[in-house]
Amino acid sequence: MSQMLTLELNDQVFAAIRQQAENIGIPPENLAATLLEQKLFPIFKLIAAEVSGRDRFERHFGAIESNSAIDIDNEGIDADLASEYASTHEAD
């Protein structure tokens, strides 16, 4: 399946496409479509892989179960960190 897309190009870009198309014997619109496909296909593959990887990663969100409240006790963690930072760690 293909779709029609109308583009507005500046004169320099159109002249370059037209010249190259004439050199290889195809219509300028075919060359422009081919160039777009070649340039964009790798980007689309990369985006699809990134989305797929992100989906796999996000499936793990909320997957941790813990029966210990200490794991999520931010105040307790902060107190422990403050105590460690304040300590000189010298042998008694």
Protein backbone atom coordinates (compact mmCIF):
# COMPACT_ATOMS: atom_id res chain seq x y z
CA MET A 1 0.00 0.00 0.00
CA SER A 2 1.27 3.46 -0.77
CA GLN A 3 0.08 6.95 0.04
CA MET A 4 0.37 10.29 -1.72
CA LEU A 5 2.37 13.01 0.07
CA THR A 6 2.83 16.51 -1.29
CA LEU A 7 6.07 18.25 -0.30
CA GLU A 8 7.28 21.77 -0.87
CA LEU A 9 11.02 21.89 -1.56
CA ASN A 10 13.28 24.86 -2.06
CA ASP A 11 14.64 25.36 -5.57
CA GLN A 12 18.12 24.03 -4.78
CA VAL A 13 16.87 20.77 -3.29
CA PHE A 14 14.40 20.21 -6.13
CA ALA A 15 17.08 20.94 -8.76
CA ALA A 16 19.45 18.44 -7.14
CA ILE A 17 16.77 15.76 -6.99
CA ARG A 18 15.67 16.45 -10.57
CA GLN A 19 19.27 16.29 -11.85
CA GLN A 20 20.03 13.03 -10.07
CA ALA A 21 16.74 11.52 -11.21
CA GLU A 22 17.53 12.45 -14.82
CA ASN A 23 21.02 10.93 -14.47
CA ILE A 24 19.60 7.56 -13.43
CA GLY A 25 16.51 7.75 -15.63
CA ILE A 26 13.66 7.87 -13.10
CA PRO A 27 11.07 10.51 -12.24
CA PRO A 28 12.12 12.98 -9.52
CA GLU A 29 9.21 11.94 -7.29
CA ASN A 30 10.39 8.33 -7.34
CA LEU A 31 13.91 9.37 -6.36
CA ALA A 32 12.60 11.61 -3.58
CA ALA A 33 10.42 8.80 -2.22
CA THR A 34 13.32 6.34 -2.35
CA LEU A 35 15.64 8.77 -0.58
CA LEU A 36 13.07 9.38 2.16
CA GLU A 37 12.51 5.66 2.65
CA GLN A 38 16.25 4.94 2.82
CA LYS A 39 16.85 7.76 5.29
CA LEU A 40 13.84 7.16 7.52
CA PHE A 41 13.62 3.36 7.66
CA PRO A 42 16.64 2.95 10.00
CA ILE A 43 15.25 5.69 12.24
CA PHE A 44 11.85 3.97 12.40
CA LYS A 45 13.55 0.65 13.25
CA LEU A 46 15.51 2.36 16.03
CA ILE A 47 12.38 3.99 17.44
CA ALA A 48 10.50 0.68 17.33
CA ALA A 49 13.36 -1.09 19.13
CA GLU A 50 13.53 1.68 21.73
CA VAL A 51 9.78 1.51 22.37
CA SER A 52 9.95 -2.29 22.55
CA GLY A 53 12.87 -2.12 25.00
CA ARG A 54 11.11 0.48 27.10
CA ASP A 55 7.97 -1.67 27.20
CA ARG A 56 10.01 -4.65 28.41
CA PHE A 57 11.66 -2.45 31.04
CA GLU A 58 8.38 -0.93 32.22
CA ARG A 59 6.83 -4.37 32.73
CA HIS A 60 9.04 -4.61 35.81
CA PHE A 61 7.58 -1.48 37.41
CA GLY A 62 5.88 -2.37 40.67
CA ALA A 63 7.17 -5.94 40.49
CA ILE A 64 9.04 -5.88 43.81
CA GLU A 65 7.25 -7.35 46.77
CA SER A 66 8.63 -6.94 50.25
CA ASN A 67 7.14 -7.79 53.60
CA SER A 68 9.67 -5.54 55.30
CA ALA A 69 8.67 -1.92 55.87
CA ILE A 70 12.33 -1.00 56.28
CA ASP A 71 12.78 -1.19 52.50
CA ILE A 72 10.53 1.81 51.96
CA ASP A 73 11.19 3.73 55.18
CA ASN A 74 12.65 6.90 53.69
CA GLU A 75 12.93 8.67 57.05
CA GLY A 76 14.84 5.72 58.49
CA ILE A 77 17.11 5.58 55.46
CA ASP A 78 17.77 9.32 55.73
CA ALA A 79 18.57 8.96 59.45
CA ASP A 80 20.98 6.09 58.74
CA LEU A 81 22.71 8.13 56.04
CA ALA A 82 23.00 11.19 58.28
CA SER A 83 24.47 9.04 61.03
CA GLU A 84 27.05 7.54 58.66
CA TYR A 85 28.00 10.93 57.21
CA ALA A 86 28.42 12.35 60.73
CA SER A 87 30.57 9.42 61.85
CA THR A 88 34.35 9.81 61.81
CA HIS A 89 34.76 6.06 61.33
CA GLU A 90 37.70 6.02 63.73
CA ALA A 91 38.42 2.89 65.72
CA ASP A 92 37.35 3.27 69.35
